Protein backbone atom coordinates (compact mmCIF):
# COMPACT_ATOMS: atom_id res chain seq x y z
CA MET A 1 -3.64 40.61 23.36
CA THR A 2 -3.47 41.67 19.89
CA HIS A 3 -1.54 39.77 17.12
CA PRO A 4 -1.13 42.24 14.31
CA ARG A 5 1.42 40.36 12.41
CA SER A 6 0.15 37.17 12.53
CA ASP A 7 -3.20 38.26 11.53
CA GLN A 8 -1.78 39.60 8.05
CA GLU A 9 -1.12 36.00 6.88
CA SER A 10 -3.71 35.21 4.20
CA SER A 11 -2.92 31.46 3.71
CA THR A 12 -1.48 28.36 5.45
CA HIS A 13 -0.91 24.74 4.95
CA PHE A 14 -3.43 21.91 5.57
CA GLY A 15 -1.22 18.97 4.98
CA PHE A 16 0.54 19.56 1.87
CA GLU A 17 -2.29 21.57 0.56
CA GLU A 18 -2.26 25.50 0.56
CA VAL A 19 -5.52 26.84 1.85
CA PRO A 20 -6.79 30.45 3.19
CA LEU A 21 -6.00 30.88 6.68
CA ALA A 22 -9.74 31.22 7.58
CA GLU A 23 -10.51 27.79 6.23
CA LYS A 24 -7.88 25.81 7.97
CA GLN A 25 -9.75 25.66 11.44
CA GLY A 26 -12.96 24.08 9.74
CA LEU A 27 -10.81 21.62 7.86
CA VAL A 28 -9.11 20.64 10.99
CA ASP A 29 -12.33 20.22 12.86
CA ASP A 30 -13.78 17.93 10.19
CA VAL A 31 -10.75 15.56 10.61
CA PHE A 32 -11.17 15.29 14.26
CA HIS A 33 -14.95 14.95 14.13
CA LYS A 34 -14.14 11.78 11.93
CA VAL A 35 -11.73 10.23 14.15
CA ALA A 36 -12.82 11.22 17.74
CA ARG A 37 -14.10 7.87 18.67
CA ARG A 38 -11.25 5.75 17.21
CA TYR A 39 -8.50 8.41 18.11
CA ASP A 40 -6.84 6.53 21.14
CA ILE A 41 -6.99 3.12 19.53
CA MET A 42 -5.49 4.49 16.32
CA ASN A 43 -2.57 6.13 18.37
CA ASP A 44 -1.93 2.67 19.83
CA LEU A 45 -1.91 1.04 16.27
CA MET A 46 0.08 3.90 14.76
CA SER A 47 3.00 4.11 17.20
CA GLY A 48 2.92 0.62 18.45
CA GLY A 49 1.91 1.73 21.94
CA LEU A 50 4.81 4.08 22.14
CA HIS A 51 2.52 7.04 22.47
CA ARG A 52 1.88 5.99 26.08
CA LEU A 53 5.40 5.95 27.09
CA TRP A 54 6.06 9.30 25.56
CA LYS A 55 3.06 10.86 27.28
CA ASP A 56 4.08 9.31 30.62
CA THR A 57 7.55 11.16 30.23
CA PHE A 58 6.00 14.36 29.04
CA ALA A 59 3.43 14.37 31.90
CA ALA A 60 5.97 13.63 34.57
CA LYS A 61 7.80 16.94 33.48
CA VAL A 62 4.72 18.79 34.78
CA ASN A 63 5.92 18.05 38.32
CA ALA A 64 2.69 18.77 40.02
CA ARG A 65 3.01 16.52 43.03
CA ASN A 66 4.21 19.22 45.48
CA HIS A 67 2.42 22.20 44.54
CA THR A 68 -0.51 23.37 46.79
CA GLY A 69 -3.28 25.03 44.66
CA PHE A 70 -1.80 23.82 41.35
CA ARG A 71 -3.53 25.04 38.22
CA HIS A 72 -2.85 23.27 34.99
CA LEU A 73 -3.98 23.81 31.51
CA ASP A 74 -3.93 21.01 28.97
CA VAL A 75 -4.68 22.38 25.38
CA ALA A 76 -5.80 20.27 22.33
CA GLY A 77 -6.31 17.58 25.03
CA GLY A 78 -9.90 16.68 24.21
CA THR A 79 -9.71 12.71 25.03
CA GLY A 80 -7.87 13.35 28.35
CA ASP A 81 -4.59 11.40 27.88
CA ILE A 82 -2.32 14.00 29.36
CA ALA A 83 -4.86 15.60 31.78
CA PHE A 84 -5.50 12.13 33.43
CA ARG A 85 -1.78 11.66 33.96
CA VAL A 86 -1.28 15.09 35.59
CA ALA A 87 -4.34 14.80 37.71
CA LYS A 88 -3.14 11.44 39.10
CA GLN A 89 0.08 13.07 40.20
CA ALA A 90 -1.43 16.40 41.43
CA PRO A 91 -2.52 17.11 44.88
CA ALA A 92 -6.09 16.84 46.02
CA ASP A 93 -6.75 20.78 45.49
CA ALA A 94 -5.31 21.00 42.14
CA GLU A 95 -7.39 22.31 39.24
CA VAL A 96 -6.91 20.70 35.78
CA VAL A 97 -8.44 22.22 32.92
CA VAL A 98 -8.77 20.23 29.43
CA LEU A 99 -9.35 22.61 26.64
CA ASP A 100 -10.16 21.58 22.91
CA ILE A 101 -11.79 23.23 20.00
CA ASN A 102 -13.59 20.07 19.14
CA GLY A 103 -16.67 19.08 20.91
CA ASP A 104 -16.54 15.47 19.76
CA MET A 105 -13.11 14.91 21.27
CA LEU A 106 -14.06 16.65 24.48
CA GLU A 107 -16.88 14.30 24.77
CA VAL A 108 -14.89 11.39 24.59
CA GLY A 109 -12.60 12.87 27.21
CA ARG A 110 -15.53 13.46 29.61
CA ASP A 111 -16.91 9.78 29.24
CA ARG A 112 -13.28 8.66 30.06
CA ALA A 113 -12.92 10.71 32.92
CA ARG A 114 -16.02 9.42 34.45
CA GLU A 115 -14.96 5.94 33.74
CA ARG A 116 -11.65 6.59 35.79
CA GLY A 117 -13.31 8.50 38.53
CA LEU A 118 -11.41 11.62 37.67
CA ASP A 119 -14.32 13.87 36.42
CA ALA A 120 -14.45 15.84 39.78
CA LYS A 121 -10.79 17.04 39.30
CA LEU A 122 -11.20 17.93 35.79
CA ASP A 123 -12.82 20.67 33.84
CA PHE A 124 -13.52 20.51 30.15
CA VAL A 125 -13.50 23.69 28.03
CA GLN A 126 -14.54 24.01 24.49
CA ALA A 127 -12.44 26.95 23.16
CA ASN A 128 -9.56 28.00 20.64
CA ALA A 129 -6.04 27.81 21.56
CA GLU A 130 -5.41 31.04 19.66
CA SER A 131 -8.05 33.03 22.13
CA LEU A 132 -8.10 31.29 25.48
CA PRO A 133 -10.99 32.18 27.75
CA PHE A 134 -8.80 32.76 30.76
CA PRO A 135 -7.33 35.76 32.64
CA ASP A 136 -3.66 36.58 32.57
CA ALA A 137 -1.21 34.77 34.65
CA ASN A 138 -3.68 32.06 35.65
CA PHE A 139 -1.99 28.81 35.35
CA ASP A 140 1.03 27.17 36.81
CA ALA A 141 1.69 24.97 33.90
CA TYR A 142 0.43 24.68 30.12
CA THR A 143 0.55 21.38 28.14
CA ILE A 144 -0.12 20.58 24.50
CA ALA A 145 0.46 17.07 23.05
CA PHE A 146 0.28 16.42 19.33
CA GLY A 147 -1.96 19.39 18.82
CA ILE A 148 0.28 22.63 18.05
CA ARG A 149 0.88 21.45 14.56
CA ASN A 150 -2.82 21.71 13.85
CA VAL A 151 -3.40 25.22 15.03
CA PRO A 152 -3.83 27.51 12.23
CA ARG A 153 -1.67 30.35 13.73
CA ILE A 154 1.04 28.84 15.92
CA GLN A 155 2.75 31.87 16.93
CA VAL A 156 -0.63 33.18 18.26
CA ALA A 157 -1.21 30.30 20.22
CA LEU A 158 2.30 30.45 21.82
CA GLU A 159 1.57 34.02 22.74
CA GLU A 160 -1.69 32.87 24.40
CA ALA A 161 0.12 30.25 26.35
CA PHE A 162 2.61 32.72 27.61
CA ARG A 163 -0.21 35.09 28.55
CA VAL A 164 -2.08 32.91 30.58
CA LEU A 165 0.77 31.41 32.43
CA LYS A 166 1.97 32.78 35.91
CA PRO A 167 5.55 34.27 36.22
CA GLY A 168 7.53 31.15 36.70
CA GLY A 169 5.09 29.02 34.83
CA ARG A 170 6.18 26.30 32.61
CA PHE A 171 5.28 25.58 28.73
CA LEU A 172 5.35 22.05 27.67
CA CYS A 173 4.86 20.79 24.19
CA LEU A 174 4.89 17.10 22.88
CA GLU A 175 5.02 16.90 19.16
CA PHE A 176 6.35 14.82 16.35
CA SER A 177 9.69 15.89 15.09
CA GLN A 178 12.61 15.00 12.72
CA VAL A 179 14.21 11.56 12.98
CA ALA A 180 17.70 12.03 13.68
CA ILE A 181 19.04 8.51 12.87
CA PRO A 182 20.27 7.92 9.44
CA GLY A 183 18.01 5.22 7.52
CA LEU A 184 15.50 5.30 10.21
CA ASP A 185 14.11 8.50 8.74
CA LYS A 186 13.29 6.83 5.24
CA ILE A 187 11.76 3.75 7.01
CA TYR A 188 9.66 6.23 9.09
CA GLU A 189 8.61 8.27 6.15
CA ALA A 190 7.56 5.07 4.17
CA TYR A 191 5.58 3.76 7.03
CA SER A 192 3.82 7.06 7.63
CA PHE A 193 2.76 7.58 4.05
CA ASN A 194 1.80 3.97 3.25
CA VAL A 195 0.84 2.13 6.44
CA ILE A 196 -0.93 4.57 8.56
CA PRO A 197 -3.56 5.87 6.16
CA MET A 198 -4.01 2.11 5.26
CA VAL A 199 -4.70 1.35 8.97
CA GLY A 200 -6.89 4.34 9.19
CA LYS A 201 -8.94 3.14 6.42
CA ILE A 202 -9.50 -0.38 8.14
CA VAL A 203 -10.02 0.54 11.63
CA ALA A 204 -11.65 4.13 11.47
CA GLY A 205 -13.22 3.66 7.84
CA ASP A 206 -11.61 6.52 6.40
CA GLY A 207 -7.88 7.09 5.60
CA GLU A 208 -7.87 10.41 4.48
CA PRO A 209 -7.88 12.08 7.89
CA TYR A 210 -4.73 10.04 8.62
CA ARG A 211 -3.01 11.14 5.55
CA TYR A 212 -3.47 14.78 6.59
CA LEU A 213 -2.16 14.07 9.95
CA VAL A 214 0.91 12.32 8.30
CA GLU A 215 1.34 15.48 5.90
CA SER A 216 0.96 17.83 9.02
CA ILE A 217 3.83 16.24 10.81
CA GLN A 218 6.10 16.79 7.65
CA LYS A 219 5.15 20.58 7.52
CA PHE A 220 5.75 21.23 11.11
CA PRO A 221 8.75 23.38 11.80
CA ARG A 222 12.11 21.84 12.54
CA ALA A 223 12.88 21.44 16.35
CA ASP A 224 15.27 24.26 16.48
CA ALA A 225 13.12 26.47 14.40
CA PHE A 226 10.40 25.73 16.86
CA GLU A 227 12.40 26.43 19.74
CA GLY A 228 12.95 29.85 18.24
CA MET A 229 9.09 30.41 17.96
CA ILE A 230 8.67 29.56 21.53
CA ARG A 231 11.35 32.12 22.67
CA LYS A 232 9.96 34.78 20.17
CA ALA A 233 6.49 34.37 22.29
CA GLY A 234 8.41 35.31 25.41
CA PHE A 235 9.62 32.01 26.98
CA ARG A 236 13.11 31.77 28.37
CA ARG A 237 15.38 28.84 29.42
CA THR A 238 13.83 27.04 26.33
CA GLY A 239 14.89 23.65 25.00
CA TYR A 240 13.87 20.51 23.68
CA GLU A 241 14.50 16.74 24.35
CA ARG A 242 14.22 14.06 21.33
CA LEU A 243 12.64 10.62 22.05
CA THR A 244 12.83 7.48 19.98
CA GLY A 245 15.47 8.66 17.73
CA GLY A 246 13.79 11.85 17.04
CA VAL A 247 10.33 10.67 16.06
CA VAL A 248 8.97 13.16 18.86
CA ALA A 249 10.42 15.91 20.97
CA ILE A 250 9.20 17.59 24.21
CA HIS A 251 9.61 21.29 24.05
CA SER A 252 10.00 23.54 27.06
CA GLY A 253 10.08 26.96 28.20
CA TRP A 254 9.61 29.06 31.31
CA LYS A 255 7.73 32.48 31.80
CA PRO A 256 10.19 34.79 33.47
């Protein structure tokens, strides 16, 4: 699949900084190399454990239980959080592929899969969300959780998701969104920019990667605008569900 319109872009954002498009992926990789081993601990600390509930709700929407030969792709899922949940609910003959561009994150995921006895049910693939190494119409479901905002060309990644899904396949994205409760938005913003980088420095030894992650949330499109991007990629019956007052949203679409 070619992406002529997207390829014309010359720059993009890395947090609040404007950077050449070609440099963003390397900068994002550096962030996740630094945080890989502390990633799940920091998720607990940053969200007060809420990320586990968000991921439970998200993975349940895959609804893999009654699908013989189910094939699932989890993108930017290196440490396995979503894939483990899907694998546990899926039938014995299901195939769950975990794809991530970052080898350190995948290494953490492989270790965790072995510890849980799930390694036989999972395949770990290092590749780019913008250029998936799979044939057309190959998967029944595609998930990406807290990863799409780190992709340099989001529209290209959405088009690739559409390409690899079978007709009738479902796209699901869990991502930070805009707080919809007046007053809570200011509290959340103050917490994000002041507390999270400080906790990152204490726990992971470096607060800058977490400052980038917070800034990347601010730069991500609003929920309705992102739904428009999903529709532009070809998906239909699109929609989104806000969780925890809009802190996160689950976006969905179906391939006709």
